[in-house]
Amino acid sequence: MKPANKIIHGNCLEVLKTFDSSFVDLSITSPPYNKGEKHKGWLVKNVVYDACEDKKSEQDYQNEQIKILNEVFRVTKDGGSFFYNHKIRWEKGVIIHPLEWISKTDWTIRQEIIWDRMIAANIRGWRFWQVDEKIFWLYKPTQNNKIGKELASKHALLTSIWRFPPERKNVHPAPFPLALPTRIINSILEENEGTVLDPFCGSGTTLLAAKLLKKNFLGIEISKDYINLTEERLANCNNEKKTAEEELQKHTVLKTFKDRKQNGEFTGKFKKGLSPKQKNQINFLEKKTNP
């Protein structure tokens, strides 16, 4: 089946298996991180999901994530993308990096983006406070082409470090902010039609962003309470429209690299015969006059 504009209640992996292949354009999700609810900690005790537990054995967790990632790959069109948000965990002195299982999937890893959340999940001093999470841009190649389509300059200039605080006005224990999926959907699909999937849709932030940007959305969620919350947010999407619009305003560029090159303006190359000091001065001035 190829459902659209729906939230399907059930286990993520089992529901994904019922979908047809190659109909999703873009997926965005943040799965439970297997933080271990049994552990003590400043924040872990507060991250308790409705209708599921976040304390599998690490091997079982990783094996399950591989299966889910591969199912999302199957349902994605050639040339489609998956933005997978996770974090580097530290367990009894051992670093557990998401690349340990992502690299075992069918996806091509296109980029690792740093999400600067600006707050730490744990304030003990065993390590420098970890305020970042990772967003992995995964790509399904078209005819063995791993490069894919180039981003428009107005999107690419937002860089690979994204600074958003987490959503605070939300009953879900670990929601990401509306600006995050809005940035992704706008950058990848632009004005084109498309279907956006979130296999762990939680409180529905990805689906809300998709609706506001006039895309088809599809979510999977095991909690009926979160489904009810998502349906309420979707029905009242205009209440959060301003947040999405603020993000869209950041996607602006006055002159692209191509424009500068055609006009003989600064493109990052220096003229011959200039001293390093002169080059630095020219670099500074041209960046000021040609932002």
Protein backbone atom coordinates (compact mmCIF):
# COMPACT_ATOMS: atom_id res chain seq x y z
CA MET A 1 0.00 0.00 0.00
CA LYS A 2 0.96 3.64 -0.52
CA PRO A 3 -0.84 5.58 2.20
CA ALA A 4 -0.74 9.38 2.29
CA ASN A 5 -1.70 12.01 4.84
CA LYS A 6 -2.22 9.38 7.51
CA ILE A 7 -0.83 8.34 10.87
CA ILE A 8 -0.72 4.57 11.23
CA HIS A 9 -0.84 3.05 14.68
CA GLY A 10 1.52 0.14 15.24
CA ASN A 11 5.05 -1.16 15.52
CA CYS A 12 7.35 0.77 13.20
CA LEU A 13 9.08 -2.21 11.59
CA GLU A 14 5.92 -4.25 11.12
CA VAL A 15 4.02 -1.36 9.56
CA LEU A 16 6.89 -0.51 7.20
CA LYS A 17 6.79 -4.06 5.85
CA THR A 18 3.23 -3.50 4.64
CA PHE A 19 4.19 -0.53 2.42
CA ASP A 20 4.88 -0.73 -1.29
CA SER A 21 8.42 -0.13 -2.47
CA SER A 22 9.72 3.15 -3.89
CA PHE A 23 6.98 5.69 -3.17
CA VAL A 24 8.46 7.93 -0.43
CA ASP A 25 10.51 10.99 -1.43
CA LEU A 26 11.94 12.00 1.94
CA SER A 27 12.02 10.60 5.47
CA ILE A 28 12.90 12.36 8.71
CA THR A 29 12.97 10.73 12.13
CA SER A 30 14.51 10.51 15.56
CA PRO A 31 14.10 7.04 17.08
CA PRO A 32 14.29 6.23 20.79
CA TYR A 33 18.01 6.20 21.65
CA ASN A 34 18.06 3.12 23.89
CA LYS A 35 19.20 5.32 26.79
CA GLY A 36 18.25 2.72 29.36
CA GLU A 37 15.40 3.80 31.60
CA LYS A 38 16.83 1.68 34.43
CA HIS A 39 19.92 3.89 34.66
CA LYS A 40 20.32 6.81 37.01
CA GLY A 41 21.03 10.21 35.56
CA TRP A 42 20.05 13.85 35.46
CA LEU A 43 17.74 13.56 32.45
CA VAL A 44 17.40 9.87 31.54
CA LYS A 45 14.74 9.32 34.19
CA ASN A 46 12.61 11.97 32.49
CA VAL A 47 12.84 10.40 29.02
CA VAL A 48 10.15 7.75 29.34
CA TYR A 49 8.09 7.02 26.26
CA ASP A 50 4.43 6.17 26.23
CA ALA A 51 3.69 2.61 24.98
CA CYS A 52 7.32 1.47 24.62
CA GLU A 53 10.45 0.91 26.70
CA ASP A 54 13.86 2.31 25.81
CA LYS A 55 16.09 -0.33 27.39
CA LYS A 56 16.85 -3.09 24.92
CA SER A 57 20.21 -4.86 24.84
CA GLU A 58 22.53 -2.77 22.67
CA GLN A 59 22.92 -5.53 20.08
CA ASP A 60 19.16 -6.03 19.80
CA TYR A 61 18.69 -2.29 19.48
CA GLN A 62 21.25 -1.92 16.72
CA ASN A 63 19.93 -4.93 14.81
CA GLU A 64 16.42 -3.48 14.98
CA GLN A 65 17.62 -0.08 13.75
CA ILE A 66 19.39 -1.72 10.79
CA LYS A 67 16.17 -3.50 9.80
CA ILE A 68 14.13 -0.29 10.12
CA LEU A 69 16.66 1.74 8.13
CA ASN A 70 16.67 -0.87 5.37
CA GLU A 71 12.86 -0.92 5.24
CA VAL A 72 12.82 2.86 4.88
CA PHE A 73 15.40 2.44 2.10
CA ARG A 74 13.10 -0.03 0.34
CA VAL A 75 10.06 2.26 0.43
CA THR A 76 12.10 5.29 -0.73
CA LYS A 77 12.30 6.29 -4.38
CA ASP A 78 15.65 6.22 -6.15
CA GLY A 79 17.26 9.58 -5.49
CA GLY A 80 15.34 9.97 -2.22
CA SER A 81 16.77 10.97 1.14
CA PHE A 82 16.46 10.05 4.81
CA PHE A 83 17.51 12.43 7.59
CA TYR A 84 18.18 10.26 10.65
CA ASN A 85 18.67 12.05 13.97
CA HIS A 86 20.60 10.24 16.70
CA LYS A 87 23.27 10.97 19.27
CA ILE A 88 26.63 9.60 20.30
CA ARG A 89 26.10 7.74 23.57
CA TRP A 90 28.60 7.02 26.32
CA GLU A 91 27.97 3.75 28.14
CA LYS A 92 30.26 2.72 31.01
CA GLY A 93 33.25 4.43 29.44
CA VAL A 94 32.54 3.18 25.91
CA ILE A 95 31.48 5.49 23.08
CA ILE A 96 28.60 4.15 20.96
CA HIS A 97 28.43 5.98 17.63
CA PRO A 98 25.40 5.67 15.30
CA LEU A 99 27.74 4.94 12.39
CA GLU A 100 28.27 1.50 13.98
CA TRP A 101 24.91 0.42 12.57
CA ILE A 102 24.20 2.99 9.85
CA SER A 103 27.28 1.78 7.95
CA LYS A 104 25.76 -1.72 7.87
CA THR A 105 22.61 -0.58 6.05
CA ASP A 106 21.82 -0.15 2.35
CA TRP A 107 22.05 3.65 2.55
CA THR A 108 24.80 5.87 1.19
CA ILE A 109 25.88 8.37 3.84
CA ARG A 110 25.84 11.77 2.17
CA GLN A 111 26.59 14.04 5.12
CA GLU A 112 26.82 14.20 8.90
CA ILE A 113 25.18 17.34 10.27
CA ILE A 114 25.75 18.59 13.80
CA TRP A 115 22.66 19.68 15.66
CA ASP A 116 23.72 22.12 18.37
CA ARG A 117 20.88 21.81 20.89
CA MET A 118 22.49 24.39 23.22
CA ILE A 119 21.61 22.37 26.32
CA ALA A 120 23.24 19.31 27.86
CA ALA A 121 21.41 16.09 28.60
CA ASN A 122 23.73 15.36 31.52
CA ILE A 123 25.61 17.91 33.60
CA ARG A 124 28.12 15.63 35.31
CA GLY A 125 31.79 16.30 34.62
CA TRP A 126 32.96 12.93 33.33
CA ARG A 127 33.17 14.57 29.91
CA PHE A 128 32.63 18.02 28.45
CA TRP A 129 28.90 18.61 28.44
CA GLN A 130 27.46 17.12 25.29
CA VAL A 131 25.12 19.66 23.69
CA ASP A 132 25.10 18.20 20.19
CA GLU A 133 23.33 15.42 18.38
CA LYS A 134 23.89 14.11 14.86
CA ILE A 135 21.65 14.25 11.84
CA PHE A 136 22.77 11.81 9.15
CA TRP A 137 21.74 12.66 5.62
CA LEU A 138 21.28 9.25 4.01
CA TYR A 139 20.82 8.93 0.26
CA LYS A 140 19.41 6.26 -2.08
CA PRO A 141 21.50 6.51 -5.24
CA THR A 142 19.99 6.69 -8.71
CA GLN A 143 21.58 4.25 -11.15
CA ASN A 144 24.73 3.95 -9.04
CA ASN A 145 25.16 7.74 -8.91
CA LYS A 146 26.16 8.50 -5.31
CA ILE A 147 26.47 12.26 -5.84
CA GLY A 148 22.84 13.18 -6.36
CA LYS A 149 21.31 16.57 -7.06
CA GLU A 150 23.07 19.75 -5.92
CA LEU A 151 21.39 21.82 -3.24
CA ALA A 152 20.36 25.36 -4.12
CA SER A 153 22.74 27.94 -2.66
CA LYS A 154 20.05 29.39 -0.40
CA HIS A 155 19.87 26.03 1.38
CA ALA A 156 23.52 25.00 1.27
CA LEU A 157 24.68 28.25 2.93
CA LEU A 158 22.95 27.19 6.16
CA THR A 159 26.06 25.01 6.73
CA SER A 160 26.44 21.63 8.39
CA ILE A 161 25.99 22.97 11.93
CA TRP A 162 22.37 23.64 12.86
CA ARG A 163 21.65 25.59 16.03
CA PHE A 164 18.15 24.96 17.36
CA PRO A 165 17.01 24.58 20.96
CA PRO A 166 14.81 21.53 21.51
CA GLU A 167 11.07 21.99 21.65
CA ARG A 168 9.95 22.74 25.21
CA LYS A 169 6.19 23.19 24.91
CA ASN A 170 5.49 19.56 24.11
CA VAL A 171 4.36 16.60 26.23
CA HIS A 172 6.60 14.23 24.26
CA PRO A 173 9.84 13.61 26.21
CA ALA A 174 12.25 14.21 23.32
CA PRO A 175 10.74 16.25 20.48
CA PHE A 176 12.80 18.14 17.94
CA PRO A 177 11.81 21.70 17.03
CA LEU A 178 9.54 22.46 14.07
CA ALA A 179 12.32 24.46 12.39
CA LEU A 180 14.40 21.29 11.95
CA PRO A 181 12.11 19.26 9.64
CA THR A 182 11.00 22.52 8.00
CA ARG A 183 14.61 23.19 7.00
CA ILE A 184 15.06 19.68 5.64
CA ILE A 185 11.81 19.53 3.66
CA ASN A 186 12.28 22.98 2.17
CA SER A 187 15.89 22.24 1.20
CA ILE A 188 15.27 18.84 -0.37
CA LEU A 189 11.83 19.10 -1.96
CA GLU A 190 11.58 22.89 -2.43
CA GLU A 191 8.37 23.63 -4.38
CA ASN A 192 8.04 20.07 -5.69
CA GLU A 193 5.32 17.70 -4.57
CA GLY A 194 6.37 14.73 -2.49
CA THR A 195 5.64 12.31 0.33
CA VAL A 196 7.41 12.79 3.66
CA LEU A 197 7.62 9.84 6.06
CA ASP A 198 8.40 9.75 9.77
CA PRO A 199 8.52 6.13 11.02
CA PHE A 200 8.75 7.27 14.68
CA CYS A 201 6.46 10.28 14.39
CA GLY A 202 5.94 10.89 18.12
CA SER A 203 4.13 14.20 18.60
CA GLY A 204 4.03 14.74 14.83
CA THR A 205 6.52 17.55 14.27
CA THR A 206 7.71 16.16 10.92
CA LEU A 207 4.14 15.68 9.73
CA LEU A 208 3.21 19.19 10.79
CA ALA A 209 6.14 20.66 8.85
CA ALA A 210 5.17 18.63 5.78
CA LYS A 211 1.56 19.85 5.93
CA LEU A 212 2.62 23.48 6.36
CA LEU A 213 4.85 23.12 3.29
CA LYS A 214 2.02 21.47 1.33
CA LYS A 215 3.59 18.02 1.06
CA ASN A 216 1.97 14.64 1.62
CA PHE A 217 2.82 13.21 5.02
CA LEU A 218 2.89 9.73 6.50
CA GLY A 219 3.61 8.78 10.09
CA ILE A 220 3.94 5.61 12.13
CA GLU A 221 3.46 5.71 15.89
CA ILE A 222 2.95 3.05 18.55
CA SER A 223 1.32 5.38 21.09
CA LYS A 224 -2.35 6.28 20.62
CA ASP A 225 -1.88 9.26 22.94
CA TYR A 226 0.82 10.72 20.66
CA ILE A 227 -1.35 10.03 17.61
CA ASN A 228 -4.16 12.01 19.22
CA LEU A 229 -1.73 14.84 19.97
CA THR A 230 -0.46 14.81 16.37
CA GLU A 231 -3.97 14.89 14.93
CA GLU A 232 -4.77 17.90 17.11
CA ARG A 233 -1.61 19.71 15.97
CA LEU A 234 -2.38 18.97 12.32
CA ALA A 235 -5.94 20.23 12.69
CA ASN A 236 -4.59 23.47 14.19
CA CYS A 237 -1.46 23.75 12.08
CA ASN A 238 -1.85 27.49 11.52
CA ASN A 239 -1.10 28.01 15.22
CA GLU A 240 2.51 27.01 14.49
CA LYS A 241 2.80 28.49 11.01
CA LYS A 242 4.84 31.48 12.22
CA THR A 243 7.66 29.20 13.45
CA ALA A 244 7.92 27.52 10.05
CA GLU A 245 7.87 30.87 8.26
CA GLU A 246 10.73 32.15 10.42
CA GLU A 247 12.83 29.19 9.30
CA LEU A 248 11.94 29.69 5.62
CA GLN A 249 13.17 33.28 5.81
CA LYS A 250 16.66 31.98 6.55
CA HIS A 251 16.80 30.32 3.11
CA THR A 252 17.99 33.41 1.26
CA VAL A 253 21.05 34.22 -0.80
CA LEU A 254 21.72 37.52 -2.61
CA LYS A 255 24.17 36.14 -5.15
CA THR A 256 25.03 32.55 -5.94
CA PHE A 257 28.52 31.32 -6.78
CA LYS A 258 27.39 31.05 -10.42
CA ASP A 259 26.17 34.66 -10.41
CA ARG A 260 29.47 35.93 -9.03
CA LYS A 261 31.48 33.94 -11.54
CA GLN A 262 29.42 35.21 -14.50
CA ASN A 263 29.82 38.80 -13.27
CA GLY A 264 33.57 38.43 -12.72
CA GLU A 265 33.13 39.01 -8.99
CA PHE A 266 34.72 37.36 -5.98
CA THR A 267 34.53 33.55 -6.07
CA GLY A 268 37.11 32.66 -3.46
CA LYS A 269 40.17 32.86 -5.76
CA PHE A 270 42.94 35.43 -5.31
CA LYS A 271 44.74 37.39 -7.97
CA LYS A 272 48.38 36.57 -8.60
CA GLY A 273 51.17 38.78 -7.32
CA LEU A 274 49.44 39.96 -4.15
CA SER A 275 50.90 39.62 -0.68
CA PRO A 276 49.06 37.51 1.91
CA LYS A 277 48.03 40.72 3.70
CA GLN A 278 46.58 42.19 0.50
CA LYS A 279 44.73 38.97 -0.23
CA ASN A 280 43.20 38.98 3.23
CA GLN A 281 42.10 42.58 2.80
CA ILE A 282 40.52 41.87 -0.59
CA ASN A 283 38.85 38.77 0.80
CA PHE A 284 37.34 40.77 3.66
CA LEU A 285 36.15 43.66 1.51
CA GLU A 286 34.63 41.51 -1.22
CA LYS A 287 32.77 39.41 1.29
CA LYS A 288 31.34 42.60 2.80
CA THR A 289 30.25 43.99 -0.57
CA ASN A 290 29.09 40.64 -2.04
CA PRO A 291 27.48 38.71 0.83
